[in-house]
Structure formats: C-alpha cells, structure tokens
Amino acid sequence: MVIVAFDDAQIIDVACPSGALEIANSHGAAPPYVVELATVHGRTTRSSSGIMLAGARRLAEVSGRTDTMLVVGGAGTEAAAADERLLTQVRRLAGRSRRVASVCTGAFVLAAAGLLDNRRVTTHWGYGELLATAFPAVTVDSAPLYIRDGNVFTSAGVVSALDLTLALIEDDHGPTLAREVARELVTYLHRPADQAQISTFLAAPPPDNRVVRDLLGYIVAHLAEDLSPPALAARAGVTTRHLNRLFTAQLGSTPARTVRTARTEAAAHLVRSTALPLSAVARRCGFASAETLRTAFRHHYGLTGDTLRRMTDMPPPIGT
C-alpha cells in the first residue's frame, strides 16, 4: 500500500491505515502488507498537527504494480489538489494499482486527478457539498462512512479511515483476520459502510447546553437502546421534567420527538442504501416493529418505506 501524503496532511489519516495493517501482519496476514509513505518531494513532511512524517519516498520513484494507493486528507488538501506534479503521479499510480482509496478530504485529490468522474463517493460530511460543486461529474453521498464503487474506495472523516482499512483487510483476508485486528485495536468490528456519518437533525450547530449536547451524541450512537425520557434523564442526572424543559428550550422539541426523529432519519438512510428488510432496519434503529417504522415514515416524510427505497434524495420532514 502506498499512502500519498503532503504538507499539512491529517496524521490520523496516515496512522489509522498503517497501524491497522501492521497489526494485520502481526496476526498472520499472508501475503503481508508492505506500507510506504510517498510524497512529491520524498522528504520529511509536516502533518497538520506539527508532527513530522519521515521516511517518505518520492512518488516518481514508486514503480511496478501497486496493490493499493491511498490518498490522505487534511488541512493541506486544497494545495495538494492544485499541485499538478502530485496529480500527475496520482494518475500514474492509479493506473498501476489494483484499487484506489481516499480518506476524508483526500477525495478532492482523487477528483482533481479525474479518478472519481461518474462514480459515487463520500467524504467528510462537512465537505460533501463543496466536493459536489467543484466536481459536477462526481456523485457525492456524504452520509455513509465509506463507499466502494468498483475498485475505488472513499471514506468519510478521519477516524473512518479505520473502518475503511478493516473493510480492506476483510476484502483481502476474510472476516476472521479483520475481527482479530479490530479486537486488538479495541474497536467495534466493524461499523457498516452504510452507517450514517451524522444524523440530519445534528447537522445544525450543536446546542449550547452541555446536557442536551451530550445526550444528542448518545442518542445517535445508541439508537437501538432504551432512549425513553426517564432513561435519558437518569443518564443525565436530571429529572424527566427538567429534561423536557431543556430539550424544548434548546431544540424546540421534546426528548421523545427528538429520539423518534433520529431513529426515523437513520432508518430512512438504511432503507435507501441497503437491501435490509424493513423489520431488520426497524430493529437496528430502535423501532418496536416494521409497522411502527412504517408509521414513523408516513408521519415524518409522508411516504412509505417502499417509496423511500426508490428515492435518491430524502424529502424534507412534513411541516418544514
């Protein structure tokens, strides 16, 4: 694997894939992964955190067949995507690689190199609209953690690099090795590609109140668990009445309505992007049954689950 970096790259984008592949080797990956860091100049490169990345090869010196070329993202992506020397080498390596991948805003480099035209891709949710505007030939879906379109893999924000790498390991060596790597990394194996990066109702600026802000993050991450107002109030250490007042003041919505919105939007994303039966989507998102989910769809979108499955874009919730 050749990891393509540049000045002000995000160090996590480099560390997640290289670290996970090192662990895969220690668990017997056969053939083992050989990871090389490569830059235009082949010299020590400064990451966006200020930590220096040494040992990089010059991209022009990387020859022969490459299994995977992975382009990282970070604060330096804009300059990298405008560097014709870098783009020339990325195009060259892509033609010699079995698969091509990007992490976070590294998708901008692949797009600038013309490698994402007529493909469905993802990037960090905060940059999806910018990517789509800058490159109209690219179909951008900012919801999933990662997307595979043919031999091109793109992933979302920084830590999703780990989700992507685990998927690559499973693709190469099967689920057992990927599970062993995840276990050593003490991470969940592995978040499905279609899991949303962020719930739509959390796309707005976070609320000022810390209790509400923390509970919103908990709700999105634990949709299938008990999220009743008493359970949420107990978790926050406040009364149910006070919790209702906080949510109404901060969000203009009750805790129960907020949970239902989060579950419905997550379910709608799964219905659109997977072939899971409605009953499985309902269980994953915390609904008591498929019928309860259908009722939520009708109330929230005015549509049935089958209609949502055929759609490429969600309509706004009723009343907005």
C-alpha atoms as a PDB file:
ATOM      1  CA  MET A   1       0.000   0.000   0.000  1.00  0.00           C
ATOM      2  CA  VAL A   2       1.280   3.431  -0.960  1.00  0.00           C
ATOM      3  CA  ILE A   3      -0.036   6.198   1.279  1.00  0.00           C
ATOM      4  CA  VAL A   4       0.116   9.508  -0.566  1.00  0.00           C
ATOM      5  CA  ALA A   5       0.685  12.468   1.754  1.00  0.00           C
ATOM      6  CA  PHE A   6       1.566  16.151   1.529  1.00  0.00           C
ATOM      7  CA  ASP A   7       2.309  19.071   3.831  1.00  0.00           C
ATOM      8  CA  ASP A   8      -0.427  19.657   6.431  1.00  0.00           C
ATOM      9  CA  ALA A   9      -1.933  16.208   5.935  1.00  0.00           C
ATOM     10  CA  GLN A  10      -4.018  14.845   8.812  1.00  0.00           C
ATOM     11  CA  ILE A  11      -1.779  12.483  10.771  1.00  0.00           C
ATOM     12  CA  ILE A  12      -4.710  10.241  11.772  1.00  0.00           C
ATOM     13  CA  ASP A  13      -5.366   9.582   8.087  1.00  0.00           C
ATOM     14  CA  VAL A  14      -1.854   8.140   7.879  1.00  0.00           C
ATOM     15  CA  ALA A  15      -1.788   6.401  11.262  1.00  0.00           C
ATOM     16  CA  CYS A  16      -5.132   4.565  11.069  1.00  0.00           C
ATOM     17  CA  PRO A  17      -4.425   2.596   7.875  1.00  0.00           C
ATOM     18  CA  SER A  18      -0.729   1.981   8.551  1.00  0.00           C
ATOM     19  CA  GLY A  19      -1.327   0.941  12.160  1.00  0.00           C
ATOM     20  CA  ALA A  20      -4.183  -1.403  11.336  1.00  0.00           C
ATOM     21  CA  LEU A  21      -2.196  -3.075   8.542  1.00  0.00           C
ATOM     22  CA  GLU A  22       0.793  -3.509  10.863  1.00  0.00           C
ATOM     23  CA  ILE A  23      -1.475  -5.350  13.307  1.00  0.00           C
ATOM     24  CA  ALA A  24      -2.887  -7.438  10.448  1.00  0.00           C
ATOM     25  CA  ASN A  25       0.682  -8.526   9.661  1.00  0.00           C
ATOM     26  CA  SER A  26       1.293  -9.460  13.297  1.00  0.00           C
ATOM     27  CA  HIS A  27      -1.778 -11.715  13.105  1.00  0.00           C
ATOM     28  CA  GLY A  28      -0.506 -13.527  10.044  1.00  0.00           C
ATOM     29  CA  ALA A  29      -1.721 -11.605   7.023  1.00  0.00           C
ATOM     30  CA  ALA A  30      -0.438 -13.613   4.056  1.00  0.00           C
ATOM     31  CA  PRO A  31       0.884 -12.114   1.960  1.00  0.00           C
ATOM     32  CA  PRO A  32       1.814  -9.399   4.466  1.00  0.00           C
ATOM     33  CA  TYR A  33       1.121  -5.753   3.861  1.00  0.00           C
ATOM     34  CA  VAL A  34       4.020  -3.502   2.908  1.00  0.00           C
ATOM     35  CA  VAL A  35       3.188   0.133   3.589  1.00  0.00           C
ATOM     36  CA  GLU A  36       5.108   3.034   2.117  1.00  0.00           C
ATOM     37  CA  LEU A  37       4.585   6.739   2.619  1.00  0.00           C
ATOM     38  CA  ALA A  38       5.139   8.764  -0.540  1.00  0.00           C
ATOM     39  CA  THR A  39       5.198  12.486  -1.299  1.00  0.00           C
ATOM     40  CA  VAL A  40       6.068  14.633  -4.276  1.00  0.00           C
ATOM     41  CA  HIS A  41       9.486  15.540  -2.935  1.00  0.00           C
ATOM     42  CA  GLY A  42      10.217  12.373  -0.948  1.00  0.00           C
ATOM     43  CA  ARG A  43      11.350  14.268   2.113  1.00  0.00           C
ATOM     44  CA  THR A  44      10.147  14.656   5.669  1.00  0.00           C
ATOM     45  CA  THR A  45       6.628  16.035   5.631  1.00  0.00           C
ATOM     46  CA  ARG A  46       4.893  18.184   8.243  1.00  0.00           C
ATOM     47  CA  SER A  47       1.466  16.984   9.344  1.00  0.00           C
ATOM     48  CA  SER A  48      -1.255  19.478  10.245  1.00  0.00           C
ATOM     49  CA  SER A  49      -0.590  18.804  13.937  1.00  0.00           C
ATOM     50  CA  GLY A  50       3.063  19.772  13.509  1.00  0.00           C
ATOM     51  CA  ILE A  51       4.363  16.212  13.893  1.00  0.00           C
ATOM     52  CA  MET A  52       6.874  15.396  11.171  1.00  0.00           C
ATOM     53  CA  LEU A  53       6.432  12.304   8.993  1.00  0.00           C
ATOM     54  CA  ALA A  54       9.805  10.935   7.959  1.00  0.00           C
ATOM     55  CA  GLY A  55      10.857   8.173   5.589  1.00  0.00           C
ATOM     56  CA  ALA A  56       8.704   9.188   2.635  1.00  0.00           C
ATOM     57  CA  ARG A  57       9.645   8.096  -0.886  1.00  0.00           C
ATOM     58  CA  ARG A  58       9.361  10.309  -3.934  1.00  0.00           C
ATOM     59  CA  LEU A  59       6.158   9.464  -5.759  1.00  0.00           C
ATOM     60  CA  ALA A  60       8.016   9.392  -9.065  1.00  0.00           C
ATOM     61  CA  GLU A  61      10.238   6.609  -7.699  1.00  0.00           C
ATOM     62  CA  VAL A  62       7.324   4.295  -6.895  1.00  0.00           C
ATOM     63  CA  SER A  63       7.355   1.798  -9.742  1.00  0.00           C
ATOM     64  CA  GLY A  64       5.866  -1.549 -10.648  1.00  0.00           C
ATOM     65  CA  ARG A  65       2.458  -2.806  -9.668  1.00  0.00           C
ATOM     66  CA  THR A  66       0.880  -1.335  -6.523  1.00  0.00           C
ATOM     67  CA  ASP A  67      -1.849  -3.165  -4.682  1.00  0.00           C
ATOM     68  CA  THR A  68      -3.493  -0.095  -3.135  1.00  0.00           C
ATOM     69  CA  MET A  69      -2.924   3.625  -3.452  1.00  0.00           C
ATOM     70  CA  LEU A  70      -4.490   5.606  -0.625  1.00  0.00           C
ATOM     71  CA  VAL A  71      -4.598   9.414  -0.594  1.00  0.00           C
ATOM     72  CA  VAL A  72      -4.999  11.087   2.790  1.00  0.00           C
ATOM     73  CA  GLY A  73      -6.797  14.331   3.607  1.00  0.00           C
ATOM     74  CA  GLY A  74      -6.229  17.230   5.930  1.00  0.00           C
ATOM     75  CA  ALA A  75      -5.733  20.964   6.016  1.00  0.00           C
ATOM     76  CA  GLY A  76      -3.296  20.798   3.097  1.00  0.00           C
ATOM     77  CA  THR A  77      -5.739  19.129   0.720  1.00  0.00           C
ATOM     78  CA  GLU A  78      -6.632  22.270  -1.218  1.00  0.00           C
ATOM     79  CA  ALA A  79      -2.996  22.952  -2.079  1.00  0.00           C
ATOM     80  CA  ALA A  80      -2.420  19.273  -2.855  1.00  0.00           C
ATOM     81  CA  ALA A  81      -5.407  19.139  -5.222  1.00  0.00           C
ATOM     82  CA  ALA A  82      -3.930  22.099  -7.114  1.00  0.00           C
ATOM     83  CA  ASP A  83      -0.416  20.615  -7.371  1.00  0.00           C
ATOM     84  CA  GLU A  84      -0.135  19.251 -10.908  1.00  0.00           C
ATOM     85  CA  ARG A  85       3.034  17.338 -10.012  1.00  0.00           C
ATOM     86  CA  LEU A  86       1.126  15.452  -7.340  1.00  0.00           C
ATOM     87  CA  LEU A  87      -1.900  14.873  -9.573  1.00  0.00           C
ATOM     88  CA  THR A  88       0.294  13.513 -12.364  1.00  0.00           C
ATOM     89  CA  GLN A  89       1.808  10.947 -10.024  1.00  0.00           C
ATOM     90  CA  VAL A  90      -1.564  10.045  -8.515  1.00  0.00           C
ATOM     91  CA  ARG A  91      -2.940   9.365 -12.002  1.00  0.00           C
ATOM     92  CA  ARG A  92       0.117   7.298 -12.876  1.00  0.00           C
ATOM     93  CA  LEU A  93      -0.067   5.220  -9.701  1.00  0.00           C
ATOM     94  CA  ALA A  94      -3.812   4.733 -10.058  1.00  0.00           C
ATOM     95  CA  GLY A  95      -3.190   3.092 -13.415  1.00  0.00           C
ATOM     96  CA  ARG A  96      -0.776   0.665 -11.759  1.00  0.00           C
ATOM     97  CA  SER A  97      -2.915  -0.083  -8.687  1.00  0.00           C
ATOM     98  CA  ARG A  98      -5.420  -2.852  -8.058  1.00  0.00           C
ATOM     99  CA  ARG A  99      -7.506  -0.426  -6.045  1.00  0.00           C
ATOM    100  CA  VAL A 100      -7.531   3.268  -5.203  1.00  0.00           C
ATOM    101  CA  ALA A 101      -8.723   4.812  -1.934  1.00  0.00           C
ATOM    102  CA  SER A 102      -9.014   8.112  -0.124  1.00  0.00           C
ATOM    103  CA  VAL A 103      -9.625   9.201   3.431  1.00  0.00           C
ATOM    104  CA  CYS A 104     -11.722  12.253   4.265  1.00  0.00           C
ATOM    105  CA  THR A 105     -10.850  15.222   2.016  1.00  0.00           C
ATOM    106  CA  GLY A 106      -8.340  13.105   0.119  1.00  0.00           C
ATOM    107  CA  ALA A 107     -11.307  12.625  -2.225  1.00  0.00           C
ATOM    108  CA  PHE A 108     -10.614  16.130  -3.535  1.00  0.00           C
ATOM    109  CA  VAL A 109      -7.193  14.991  -4.764  1.00  0.00           C
ATOM    110  CA  LEU A 110      -8.670  11.936  -6.493  1.00  0.00           C
ATOM    111  CA  ALA A 111     -11.396  14.102  -8.018  1.00  0.00           C
ATOM    112  CA  ALA A 112      -8.898  16.699  -9.230  1.00  0.00           C
ATOM    113  CA  ALA A 113      -6.943  13.874 -10.847  1.00  0.00           C
ATOM    114  CA  GLY A 114     -10.103  12.823 -12.721  1.00  0.00           C
ATOM    115  CA  LEU A 115     -10.342   9.491 -10.927  1.00  0.00           C
ATOM    116  CA  LEU A 116     -13.814   9.969  -9.444  1.00  0.00           C
ATOM    117  CA  ASP A 117     -15.754  11.023 -12.534  1.00  0.00           C
ATOM    118  CA  ASN A 118     -19.053   9.143 -12.869  1.00  0.00           C
ATOM    119  CA  ARG A 119     -18.509   7.418  -9.533  1.00  0.00           C
ATOM    120  CA  ARG A 120     -20.460   7.525  -6.268  1.00  0.00           C
ATOM    121  CA  VAL A 121     -18.137   8.666  -3.489  1.00  0.00           C
ATOM    122  CA  THR A 122     -18.129  10.048   0.029  1.00  0.00           C
ATOM    123  CA  THR A 123     -16.037  12.446   2.066  1.00  0.00           C
ATOM    124  CA  HIS A 124     -16.302  14.203   5.410  1.00  0.00           C
ATOM    125  CA  TRP A 125     -19.904  15.384   5.841  1.00  0.00           C
ATOM    126  CA  GLY A 126     -18.733  18.987   6.206  1.00  0.00           C
ATOM    127  CA  TYR A 127     -17.124  18.999   2.742  1.00  0.00           C
ATOM    128  CA  GLY A 128     -19.572  16.989   0.657  1.00  0.00           C
ATOM    129  CA  GLU A 129     -21.387  19.959  -0.832  1.00  0.00           C
ATOM    130  CA  LEU A 130     -18.089  21.632  -1.720  1.00  0.00           C
ATOM    131  CA  LEU A 131     -16.838  18.461  -3.438  1.00  0.00           C
ATOM    132  CA  ALA A 132     -20.056  18.102  -5.416  1.00  0.00           C
ATOM    133  CA  THR A 133     -19.964  21.735  -6.514  1.00  0.00           C
ATOM    134  CA  ALA A 134     -16.295  21.660  -7.506  1.00  0.00           C
ATOM    135  CA  PHE A 135     -16.604  18.384  -9.435  1.00  0.00           C
ATOM    136  CA  PRO A 136     -20.058  18.039 -11.054  1.00  0.00           C
ATOM    137  CA  ALA A 137     -19.131  14.733 -12.715  1.00  0.00           C
ATOM    138  CA  VAL A 138     -18.760  13.131  -9.280  1.00  0.00           C
ATOM    139  CA  THR A 139     -21.794  11.774  -7.415  1.00  0.00           C
ATOM    140  CA  VAL A 140     -21.248  12.708  -3.771  1.00  0.00           C
ATOM    141  CA  ASP A 141     -23.082  10.988  -0.911  1.00  0.00           C
ATOM    142  CA  SER A 142     -21.919  12.441   2.385  1.00  0.00           C
ATOM    143  CA  ALA A 143     -23.934  10.042   4.532  1.00  0.00           C
ATOM    144  CA  PRO A 144     -22.011   6.709   4.556  1.00  0.00           C
ATOM    145  CA  LEU A 145     -18.777   6.028   6.428  1.00  0.00           C
ATOM    146  CA  TYR A 146     -17.209   4.669   3.260  1.00  0.00           C
ATOM    147  CA  ILE A 147     -18.253   3.761  -0.268  1.00  0.00           C
ATOM    148  CA  ARG A 148     -16.875   1.236  -2.727  1.00  0.00           C
ATOM    149  CA  ASP A 149     -17.503   1.944  -6.389  1.00  0.00           C
ATOM    150  CA  GLY A 150     -15.672  -0.621  -8.493  1.00  0.00           C
ATOM    151  CA  ASN A 151     -12.039  -0.574  -7.387  1.00  0.00           C
ATOM    152  CA  VAL A 152     -12.304   2.909  -5.852  1.00  0.00           C
ATOM    153  CA  PHE A 153     -12.901   3.308  -2.113  1.00  0.00           C
ATOM    154  CA  THR A 154     -13.647   6.656  -0.485  1.00  0.00           C
ATOM    155  CA  SER A 155     -14.234   7.257   3.203  1.00  0.00           C
ATOM    156  CA  ALA A 156     -15.579   9.925   5.491  1.00  0.00           C
ATOM    157  CA  GLY A 157     -13.903  11.899   8.259  1.00  0.00           C
ATOM    158  CA  VAL A 158     -10.584  10.958   9.808  1.00  0.00           C
ATOM    159  CA  VAL A 159     -11.415   8.013  12.097  1.00  0.00           C
ATOM    160  CA  SER A 160     -13.490   6.355   9.376  1.00  0.00           C
ATOM    161  CA  ALA A 161     -10.067   5.534   7.899  1.00  0.00           C
ATOM    162  CA  LEU A 162     -10.081   2.679  10.395  1.00  0.00           C
ATOM    163  CA  ASP A 163     -13.481   1.451   9.195  1.00  0.00           C
ATOM    164  CA  LEU A 164     -12.208   1.596   5.625  1.00  0.00           C
ATOM    165  CA  THR A 165      -8.985  -0.260   6.447  1.00  0.00           C
ATOM    166  CA  LEU A 166     -10.838  -3.011   8.292  1.00  0.00           C
ATOM    167  CA  ALA A 167     -13.038  -3.397   5.218  1.00  0.00           C
ATOM    168  CA  LEU A 168      -9.929  -3.670   3.021  1.00  0.00           C
ATOM    169  CA  ILE A 169      -8.427  -6.293   5.351  1.00  0.00           C
ATOM    170  CA  GLU A 170     -11.664  -8.286   5.268  1.00  0.00           C
ATOM    171  CA  ASP A 171     -11.740  -7.983   1.483  1.00  0.00           C
ATOM    172  CA  ASP A 172      -8.172  -9.317   1.279  1.00  0.00           C
ATOM    173  CA  HIS A 173      -8.063 -11.918   4.035  1.00  0.00           C
ATOM    174  CA  GLY A 174     -11.592 -12.549   5.245  1.00  0.00           C
ATOM    175  CA  PRO A 175     -13.603 -11.566   8.318  1.00  0.00           C
ATOM    176  CA  THR A 176     -11.588 -13.585  10.837  1.00  0.00           C
ATOM    177  CA  LEU A 177      -8.416 -11.557  10.408  1.00  0.00           C
ATOM    178  CA  ALA A 178     -10.355  -8.283  10.294  1.00  0.00           C
ATOM    179  CA  ARG A 179     -12.054  -9.273  13.550  1.00  0.00           C
ATOM    180  CA  GLU A 180      -8.692 -10.033  15.190  1.00  0.00           C
ATOM    181  CA  VAL A 181      -7.321  -6.649  14.136  1.00  0.00           C
ATOM    182  CA  ALA A 182     -10.411  -4.866  15.437  1.00  0.00           C
ATOM    183  CA  ARG A 183     -10.172  -6.727  18.737  1.00  0.00           C
ATOM    184  CA  GLU A 184      -6.557  -5.664  19.223  1.00  0.00           C
ATOM    185  CA  LEU A 185      -7.469  -2.082  18.347  1.00  0.00           C
ATOM    186  CA  VAL A 186     -10.335  -2.254  20.852  1.00  0.00           C
ATOM    187  CA  THR A 187     -12.798  -1.076  18.253  1.00  0.00           C
ATOM    188  CA  TYR A 188     -16.157  -2.282  17.033  1.00  0.00           C
ATOM    189  CA  LEU A 189     -15.945  -4.612  14.042  1.00  0.00           C
ATOM    190  CA  HIS A 190     -16.860  -3.038  12.072  1.00  0.00           C
ATOM    191  CA  ARG A 191     -19.227  -0.172  11.559  1.00  0.00           C
ATOM    192  CA  PRO A 192     -21.155  -0.897   8.371  1.00  0.00           C
ATOM    193  CA  ALA A 193     -20.351   1.277   5.386  1.00  0.00           C
ATOM    194  CA  ASP A 194     -23.938   2.484   5.242  1.00  0.00           C
ATOM    195  CA  GLN A 195     -23.935   3.789   8.797  1.00  0.00           C
ATOM    196  CA  ALA A 196     -24.596   7.499   8.635  1.00  0.00           C
ATOM    197  CA  GLN A 197     -21.733   9.853   9.466  1.00  0.00           C
ATOM    198  CA  ILE A 198     -24.088  12.220  11.213  1.00  0.00           C
ATOM    199  CA  SER A 199     -27.805  12.454  11.777  1.00  0.00           C
ATOM    200  CA  THR A 200     -29.542  15.134   9.752  1.00  0.00           C
ATOM    201  CA  PHE A 201     -31.003  16.792  12.844  1.00  0.00           C
ATOM    202  CA  LEU A 202     -27.481  17.109  14.269  1.00  0.00           C
ATOM    203  CA  ALA A 203     -26.179  18.898  11.185  1.00  0.00           C
ATOM    204  CA  ALA A 204     -27.193  22.222  12.722  1.00  0.00           C
ATOM    205  CA  PRO A 205     -24.848  23.929  15.207  1.00  0.00           C
ATOM    206  CA  PRO A 206     -24.734  21.956  18.482  1.00  0.00           C
ATOM    207  CA  PRO A 207     -26.885  23.245  21.338  1.00  0.00           C
ATOM    208  CA  ASP A 208     -25.267  25.422  23.986  1.00  0.00           C
ATOM    209  CA  ASN A 209     -26.398  23.280  26.890  1.00  0.00           C
ATOM    210  CA  ARG A 210     -23.915  20.524  27.680  1.00  0.00           C
ATOM    211  CA  VAL A 211     -26.555  18.069  28.948  1.00  0.00           C
ATOM    212  CA  VAL A 212     -28.541  18.314  25.709  1.00  0.00           C
ATOM    213  CA  ARG A 213     -25.406  18.245  23.569  1.00  0.00           C
ATOM    214  CA  ASP A 214     -24.068  15.112  25.287  1.00  0.00           C
ATOM    215  CA  LEU A 215     -27.417  13.351  25.109  1.00  0.00           C
ATOM    216  CA  LEU A 216     -27.755  14.061  21.386  1.00  0.00           C
ATOM    217  CA  GLY A 217     -24.433  12.331  20.774  1.00  0.00           C
ATOM    218  CA  TYR A 218     -25.535   9.406  22.928  1.00  0.00           C
ATOM    219  CA  ILE A 219     -28.877   9.099  21.120  1.00  0.00           C
ATOM    220  CA  VAL A 220     -27.275   8.896  17.670  1.00  0.00           C
ATOM    221  CA  ALA A 221     -24.793   6.246  18.820  1.00  0.00           C
ATOM    222  CA  HIS A 222     -27.331   4.074  20.687  1.00  0.00           C
ATOM    223  CA  LEU A 223     -30.488   4.104  18.568  1.00  0.00           C
ATOM    224  CA  ALA A 224     -31.457   0.515  19.390  1.00  0.00           C
ATOM    225  CA  GLU A 225     -31.235   1.019  23.176  1.00  0.00           C
ATOM    226  CA  ASP A 226     -33.699   2.394  25.729  1.00  0.00           C
ATOM    227  CA  LEU A 227     -33.947   6.091  24.898  1.00  0.00           C
ATOM    228  CA  SER A 228     -37.120   6.837  26.793  1.00  0.00           C
ATOM    229  CA  PRO A 229     -37.262  10.206  28.590  1.00  0.00           C
ATOM    230  CA  PRO A 230     -36.814   8.573  32.031  1.00  0.00           C
ATOM    231  CA  ALA A 231     -33.757   6.627  30.780  1.00  0.00           C
ATOM    232  CA  LEU A 232     -32.217   9.739  29.242  1.00  0.00           C
ATOM    233  CA  ALA A 233     -32.971  11.784  32.344  1.00  0.00           C
ATOM    234  CA  ALA A 234     -31.326   9.160  34.545  1.00  0.00           C
ATOM    235  CA  ARG A 235     -28.268   9.152  32.320  1.00  0.00           C
ATOM    236  CA  ALA A 236     -28.008  12.948  32.551  1.00  0.00           C
ATOM    237  CA  GLY A 237     -28.708  13.041  36.281  1.00  0.00           C
ATOM    238  CA  VAL A 238     -31.738  15.324  35.970  1.00  0.00           C
ATOM    239  CA  THR A 239     -35.466  14.876  36.405  1.00  0.00           C
ATOM    240  CA  THR A 240     -37.647  13.963  33.452  1.00  0.00           C
ATOM    241  CA  ARG A 241     -39.474  17.265  33.796  1.00  0.00           C
ATOM    242  CA  HIS A 242     -36.215  19.229  33.716  1.00  0.00           C
ATOM    243  CA  LEU A 243     -35.022  17.204  30.713  1.00  0.00           C
ATOM    244  CA  ASN A 244     -38.194  18.133  28.825  1.00  0.00           C
ATOM    245  CA  ARG A 245     -37.639  21.795  29.621  1.00  0.00           C
ATOM    246  CA  LEU A 246     -34.006  21.647  28.435  1.00  0.00           C
ATOM    247  CA  PHE A 247     -34.848  19.942  25.118  1.00  0.00           C
ATOM    248  CA  THR A 248     -37.764  22.284  24.433  1.00  0.00           C
ATOM    249  CA  ALA A 249     -35.647  25.366  25.135  1.00  0.00           C
ATOM    250  CA  GLN A 250     -32.575  24.170  23.195  1.00  0.00           C
ATOM    251  CA  LEU A 251     -34.142  22.238  20.315  1.00  0.00           C
ATOM    252  CA  GLY A 252     -37.781  23.239  20.221  1.00  0.00           C
ATOM    253  CA  SER A 253     -38.608  19.552  20.575  1.00  0.00           C
ATOM    254  CA  THR A 254     -39.293  17.075  23.361  1.00  0.00           C
ATOM    255  CA  PRO A 255     -36.817  14.265  24.099  1.00  0.00           C
ATOM    256  CA  ALA A 256     -39.249  11.661  22.758  1.00  0.00           C
ATOM    257  CA  ARG A 257     -39.763  13.553  19.497  1.00  0.00           C
ATOM    258  CA  THR A 258     -36.010  14.078  19.119  1.00  0.00           C
ATOM    259  CA  VAL A 259     -35.348  10.358  19.540  1.00  0.00           C
ATOM    260  CA  ARG A 260     -38.070   9.476  17.055  1.00  0.00           C
ATOM    261  CA  THR A 261     -36.592  11.894  14.509  1.00  0.00           C
ATOM    262  CA  ALA A 262     -33.094  10.441  14.922  1.00  0.00           C
ATOM    263  CA  ARG A 263     -34.379   6.882  14.565  1.00  0.00           C
ATOM    264  CA  THR A 264     -36.542   7.708  11.550  1.00  0.00           C
ATOM    265  CA  GLU A 265     -33.751   9.503   9.691  1.00  0.00           C
ATOM    266  CA  ALA A 266     -31.289   6.679  10.377  1.00  0.00           C
ATOM    267  CA  ALA A 267     -33.865   4.124   9.208  1.00  0.00           C
ATOM    268  CA  ALA A 268     -34.580   6.130   6.058  1.00  0.00           C
ATOM    269  CA  HIS A 269     -30.875   6.131   5.224  1.00  0.00           C
ATOM    270  CA  LEU A 270     -30.661   2.346   5.649  1.00  0.00           C
ATOM    271  CA  VAL A 271     -33.776   1.794   3.554  1.00  0.00           C
ATOM    272  CA  ARG A 272     -32.319   3.918   0.754  1.00  0.00           C
ATOM    273  CA  SER A 273     -28.816   2.462   0.815  1.00  0.00           C
ATOM    274  CA  THR A 274     -29.238  -1.226   1.717  1.00  0.00           C
ATOM    275  CA  ALA A 275     -31.399  -4.204   0.845  1.00  0.00           C
ATOM    276  CA  LEU A 276     -32.179  -4.940   4.512  1.00  0.00           C
ATOM    277  CA  PRO A 277     -35.815  -5.893   5.079  1.00  0.00           C
ATOM    278  CA  LEU A 278     -37.870  -3.302   6.912  1.00  0.00           C
ATOM    279  CA  SER A 279     -38.036  -5.491  10.010  1.00  0.00           C
ATOM    280  CA  ALA A 280     -34.218  -5.575  10.249  1.00  0.00           C
ATOM    281  CA  VAL A 281     -33.992  -1.805   9.725  1.00  0.00           C
ATOM    282  CA  ALA A 282     -36.578  -1.324  12.461  1.00  0.00           C
ATOM    283  CA  ARG A 283     -34.610  -3.437  14.957  1.00  0.00           C
ATOM    284  CA  ARG A 284     -31.321  -1.722  14.141  1.00  0.00           C
ATOM    285  CA  CYS A 285     -32.805   1.739  14.624  1.00  0.00           C
ATOM    286  CA  GLY A 286     -34.796   1.038  17.785  1.00  0.00           C
ATOM    287  CA  PHE A 287     -38.351   0.642  16.465  1.00  0.00           C
ATOM    288  CA  ALA A 288     -40.577  -1.985  18.038  1.00  0.00           C
ATOM    289  CA  SER A 289     -41.678  -3.394  14.681  1.00  0.00           C
ATOM    290  CA  ALA A 290     -41.715  -2.804  10.945  1.00  0.00           C
ATOM    291  CA  GLU A 291     -45.240  -1.430  11.268  1.00  0.00           C
ATOM    292  CA  THR A 292     -44.096   1.129  13.839  1.00  0.00           C
ATOM    293  CA  LEU A 293     -41.364   2.166  11.416  1.00  0.00           C
ATOM    294  CA  ARG A 294     -43.874   2.489   8.559  1.00  0.00           C
ATOM    295  CA  THR A 295     -45.964   4.778  10.750  1.00  0.00           C
ATOM    296  CA  ALA A 296     -42.891   6.894  11.500  1.00  0.00           C
ATOM    297  CA  PHE A 297     -42.072   7.178   7.788  1.00  0.00           C
ATOM    298  CA  ARG A 298     -45.606   8.290   6.965  1.00  0.00           C
ATOM    299  CA  HIS A 299     -45.572  10.842   9.778  1.00  0.00           C
ATOM    300  CA  HIS A 300     -42.058  12.181   9.119  1.00  0.00           C
ATOM    301  CA  TYR A 301     -41.892  12.056   5.299  1.00  0.00           C
ATOM    302  CA  GLY A 302     -45.446  11.395   4.192  1.00  0.00           C
ATOM    303  CA  LEU A 303     -44.174   8.327   2.298  1.00  0.00           C
ATOM    304  CA  THR A 304     -43.975   4.557   2.679  1.00  0.00           C
ATOM    305  CA  GLY A 305     -40.787   2.565   3.154  1.00  0.00           C
ATOM    306  CA  ASP A 306     -41.040   1.152  -0.378  1.00  0.00           C
ATOM    307  CA  THR A 307     -41.271   4.649  -1.827  1.00  0.00           C
ATOM    308  CA  LEU A 308     -38.282   5.805   0.217  1.00  0.00           C
ATOM    309  CA  ARG A 309     -36.255   2.853  -1.044  1.00  0.00           C
ATOM    310  CA  ARG A 310     -36.750   4.026  -4.620  1.00  0.00           C
ATOM    311  CA  MET A 311     -35.695   7.586  -3.877  1.00  0.00           C
ATOM    312  CA  THR A 312     -32.187   9.034  -4.151  1.00  0.00           C
ATOM    313  CA  ASP A 313     -32.924  12.111  -2.030  1.00  0.00           C
ATOM    314  CA  MET A 314     -34.965  12.449   1.149  1.00  0.00           C
ATOM    315  CA  PRO A 315     -37.789  14.936   1.071  1.00  0.00           C
ATOM    316  CA  PRO A 316     -37.838  17.390   3.987  1.00  0.00           C
ATOM    317  CA  PRO A 317     -39.877  16.338   7.010  1.00  0.00           C
ATOM    318  CA  ILE A 318     -43.520  17.353   6.849  1.00  0.00           C
ATOM    319  CA  GLY A 319     -44.099  20.821   8.216  1.00  0.00           C
ATOM    320  CA  THR A 320     -40.655  22.225   7.341  1.00  0.00           C
END
